[in-house]
Amino acid sequence: MFYFSYGNLNFAVTYSGLLILFNVLVKSWLSVISMLTLTSTTKFSDLLKGFEYLKFPKVMLLVISFMYRYIFVIADEAMRLKTAGDARNFGNLKLKQRIEIFGNIIAVLFIRSYERAERVYAAMLSRGFDGNFKTIKEFKFCSRDFGFGVIMGLILIITFVI
């Protein structure tokens, strides 16, 4: 055990505390690597279909689906607003004026996003959307999936027990 202080704060570092820190860091790292591997090797529509198969709440899946689809549209809209601001030379204004203009830009972005959402919702209703994802490919559970699940389960158990 060793001690160190920072101002009025005194800290004690123990061997067991360092083990817990190491354990949490390794588990966090493995979780991030697992999520990156999953998302980089699986199509987003397949991920959503898999979550639906695992009985995730339908509302949550719809929100995630629309967020993923329209985050790029909103980012593009924000970049166009930024370009318009740069063209009007907003960089030379005082901080208070820039904050006010930034607030106005956020408000315009929100209004445009809301209007786009209304149009998309009306279009979806006119096409008969009922809240279910319709895909051509159906998932079937096979022995390879079972084997993968067993191996990943063992890895998770070993990781979280250590």
Foldseek 3Di string as FASTA:
>chain_A
DDWDADVPRIDDDDPVNVVVVVLVVVVVVVVVVVVVVVPVVDDPVVVLLVVVVVVDDLVVSVVVVVCVVCVVVLVVLLVVVVVVCVVVPPVPDDPVVVVVVVVVSVVVSVVVVVVVVVVVVVVCVVVPDDSDDDDPDDDDDDVVNVVVVVVVVVVVVVSVVD
